[in-house]
Amino acid sequence: MKFIFEVTMKPGFSVEEYAQGWVEASEIIQQSEGALGTYLHRKIGHPDTVLAIAHWQTKAHRDAKDDSRSARVKAILARHAQVVTVKVIGEYEDPEWQVMPP
């Protein structure tokens, strides 16, 4: 299961600052049951925007995570809520099959 978000920095806050908090929070969140990793990608041509992808075993695992269990994660998310805009791109099941070039 993948959860994909577009995150845009508000003026005065940099992608690098966001990434620092994102890495710190992700290290803690990834200890949750069913967490399978996260990725952060900068959007081409938009230096203030990133794509965040979170991988979870199931939607139920993702929904069951408790960001408030860690005071550090709670503080990072509260800070980010003030300095970024988050647009949910979507929630995607892992494909049953993939076609990959040789």
C-alpha atoms as a PDB file:
ATOM      1  CA  MET A   1       0.000   0.000   0.000  1.00  0.00           C
ATOM      2  CA  LYS A   2       1.380   3.389  -0.960  1.00  0.00           C
ATOM      3  CA  PHE A   3       0.277   6.795   0.270  1.00  0.00           C
ATOM      4  CA  ILE A   4       1.425   9.687  -1.899  1.00  0.00           C
ATOM      5  CA  PHE A   5       1.461  13.368  -0.919  1.00  0.00           C
ATOM      6  CA  GLU A   6       2.630  16.543  -2.631  1.00  0.00           C
ATOM      7  CA  VAL A   7       4.172  18.900  -0.094  1.00  0.00           C
ATOM      8  CA  THR A   8       4.769  22.567  -0.970  1.00  0.00           C
ATOM      9  CA  MET A   9       6.848  24.829   1.227  1.00  0.00           C
ATOM     10  CA  LYS A  10       5.439  28.194   2.275  1.00  0.00           C
ATOM     11  CA  PRO A  11       7.694  31.246   1.732  1.00  0.00           C
ATOM     12  CA  GLY A  12      10.563  31.374   4.212  1.00  0.00           C
ATOM     13  CA  PHE A  13      10.745  27.586   4.721  1.00  0.00           C
ATOM     14  CA  SER A  14      13.048  25.438   2.609  1.00  0.00           C
ATOM     15  CA  VAL A  15      12.796  21.922   1.248  1.00  0.00           C
ATOM     16  CA  GLU A  16      16.002  21.143   3.108  1.00  0.00           C
ATOM     17  CA  GLU A  17      14.420  22.196   6.419  1.00  0.00           C
ATOM     18  CA  TYR A  18      11.372  20.077   5.655  1.00  0.00           C
ATOM     19  CA  ALA A  19      13.524  17.091   4.710  1.00  0.00           C
ATOM     20  CA  GLN A  20      15.443  17.288   7.984  1.00  0.00           C
ATOM     21  CA  GLY A  21      12.238  17.053  10.048  1.00  0.00           C
ATOM     22  CA  TRP A  22      10.765  14.482   7.669  1.00  0.00           C
ATOM     23  CA  VAL A  23      13.759  12.163   8.124  1.00  0.00           C
ATOM     24  CA  GLU A  24      13.637  12.545  11.896  1.00  0.00           C
ATOM     25  CA  ALA A  25       9.903  11.863  12.109  1.00  0.00           C
ATOM     26  CA  SER A  26      10.124   9.003   9.592  1.00  0.00           C
ATOM     27  CA  GLU A  27      12.746   7.193  11.674  1.00  0.00           C
ATOM     28  CA  ILE A  28      10.246   7.085  14.536  1.00  0.00           C
ATOM     29  CA  ILE A  29       7.116   6.419  12.458  1.00  0.00           C
ATOM     30  CA  GLN A  30       8.859   3.559  10.649  1.00  0.00           C
ATOM     31  CA  GLN A  31       8.972   1.688  13.960  1.00  0.00           C
ATOM     32  CA  SER A  32       5.175   1.302  13.693  1.00  0.00           C
ATOM     33  CA  GLU A  33       3.812  -2.119  12.848  1.00  0.00           C
ATOM     34  CA  GLY A  34       3.354  -2.523   9.102  1.00  0.00           C
ATOM     35  CA  ALA A  35       5.621   0.388   8.092  1.00  0.00           C
ATOM     36  CA  LEU A  36       7.676  -0.499   5.006  1.00  0.00           C
ATOM     37  CA  GLY A  37       9.628   2.670   4.259  1.00  0.00           C
ATOM     38  CA  THR A  38       9.277   6.197   2.939  1.00  0.00           C
ATOM     39  CA  TYR A  39      10.696   8.245   0.079  1.00  0.00           C
ATOM     40  CA  LEU A  40      10.958  11.952  -0.563  1.00  0.00           C
ATOM     41  CA  HIS A  41      11.486  13.320  -4.090  1.00  0.00           C
ATOM     42  CA  ARG A  42      11.917  16.916  -5.228  1.00  0.00           C
ATOM     43  CA  LYS A  43       9.531  17.932  -8.028  1.00  0.00           C
ATOM     44  CA  ILE A  44      11.338  18.795 -11.248  1.00  0.00           C
ATOM     45  CA  GLY A  45      11.106  22.504 -11.991  1.00  0.00           C
ATOM     46  CA  HIS A  46       9.543  23.266  -8.593  1.00  0.00           C
ATOM     47  CA  PRO A  47      12.318  23.643  -5.982  1.00  0.00           C
ATOM     48  CA  ASP A  48       9.787  24.299  -3.203  1.00  0.00           C
ATOM     49  CA  THR A  49       7.749  21.108  -3.766  1.00  0.00           C
ATOM     50  CA  VAL A  50       8.395  17.475  -2.890  1.00  0.00           C
ATOM     51  CA  LEU A  51       6.578  14.206  -3.384  1.00  0.00           C
ATOM     52  CA  ALA A  52       6.382  12.069  -0.245  1.00  0.00           C
ATOM     53  CA  ILE A  53       5.626   8.371  -0.617  1.00  0.00           C
ATOM     54  CA  ALA A  54       4.929   6.169   2.404  1.00  0.00           C
ATOM     55  CA  HIS A  55       4.807   2.385   2.047  1.00  0.00           C
ATOM     56  CA  TRP A  56       2.668   0.352   4.465  1.00  0.00           C
ATOM     57  CA  GLN A  57       1.789  -3.308   4.655  1.00  0.00           C
ATOM     58  CA  THR A  58      -1.943  -2.438   4.586  1.00  0.00           C
ATOM     59  CA  LYS A  59      -4.188   0.610   4.860  1.00  0.00           C
ATOM     60  CA  ALA A  60      -5.255  -0.665   8.290  1.00  0.00           C
ATOM     61  CA  HIS A  61      -1.622  -0.530   9.470  1.00  0.00           C
ATOM     62  CA  ARG A  62      -1.251   3.029   8.210  1.00  0.00           C
ATOM     63  CA  ASP A  63      -4.541   4.092   9.798  1.00  0.00           C
ATOM     64  CA  ALA A  64      -3.558   2.475  13.109  1.00  0.00           C
ATOM     65  CA  LYS A  65      -0.280   4.381  13.461  1.00  0.00           C
ATOM     66  CA  ASP A  66      -0.338   6.892  16.280  1.00  0.00           C
ATOM     67  CA  ASP A  67       1.760   9.983  15.548  1.00  0.00           C
ATOM     68  CA  SER A  68       0.903  11.397  18.977  1.00  0.00           C
ATOM     69  CA  ARG A  69       2.690   8.563  20.798  1.00  0.00           C
ATOM     70  CA  SER A  70       5.977  10.377  20.182  1.00  0.00           C
ATOM     71  CA  ALA A  71       6.290  13.932  21.456  1.00  0.00           C
ATOM     72  CA  ARG A  72       9.063  14.525  18.882  1.00  0.00           C
ATOM     73  CA  VAL A  73       6.893  13.375  15.933  1.00  0.00           C
ATOM     74  CA  LYS A  74       3.963  15.400  17.248  1.00  0.00           C
ATOM     75  CA  ALA A  75       6.160  18.525  17.442  1.00  0.00           C
ATOM     76  CA  ILE A  76       7.572  18.016  13.926  1.00  0.00           C
ATOM     77  CA  LEU A  77       4.105  17.514  12.422  1.00  0.00           C
ATOM     78  CA  ALA A  78       2.768  20.570  14.235  1.00  0.00           C
ATOM     79  CA  ARG A  79       5.661  22.663  12.902  1.00  0.00           C
ATOM     80  CA  HIS A  80       5.170  21.350   9.373  1.00  0.00           C
ATOM     81  CA  ALA A  81       1.449  22.144   9.532  1.00  0.00           C
ATOM     82  CA  GLN A  82       2.447  25.816   9.855  1.00  0.00           C
ATOM     83  CA  VAL A  83       5.069  25.951   7.103  1.00  0.00           C
ATOM     84  CA  VAL A  84       3.907  23.593   4.337  1.00  0.00           C
ATOM     85  CA  THR A  85       0.803  22.791   2.335  1.00  0.00           C
ATOM     86  CA  VAL A  86       0.045  19.079   1.893  1.00  0.00           C
ATOM     87  CA  LYS A  87      -2.037  17.776  -0.990  1.00  0.00           C
ATOM     88  CA  VAL A  88      -3.008  14.111  -0.864  1.00  0.00           C
ATOM     89  CA  ILE A  89      -2.324  12.617  -4.293  1.00  0.00           C
ATOM     90  CA  GLY A  90      -3.782   9.254  -3.417  1.00  0.00           C
ATOM     91  CA  GLU A  91      -3.662   5.870  -1.786  1.00  0.00           C
ATOM     92  CA  TYR A  92      -2.586   2.992  -4.013  1.00  0.00           C
ATOM     93  CA  GLU A  93      -2.612  -0.757  -3.597  1.00  0.00           C
ATOM     94  CA  ASP A  94       0.600  -2.516  -4.517  1.00  0.00           C
ATOM     95  CA  PRO A  95       0.236  -3.927  -8.017  1.00  0.00           C
ATOM     96  CA  GLU A  96      -0.599  -7.607  -8.431  1.00  0.00           C
ATOM     97  CA  TRP A  97       1.872  -7.623 -11.285  1.00  0.00           C
ATOM     98  CA  GLN A  98       4.283  -5.266 -12.979  1.00  0.00           C
ATOM     99  CA  VAL A  99       5.623  -5.062 -16.505  1.00  0.00           C
ATOM    100  CA  MET A 100       9.243  -3.997 -16.436  1.00  0.00           C
ATOM    101  CA  PRO A 101      11.504  -3.508 -19.458  1.00  0.00           C
ATOM    102  CA  PRO A 102      14.322  -6.049 -19.732  1.00  0.00           C
END
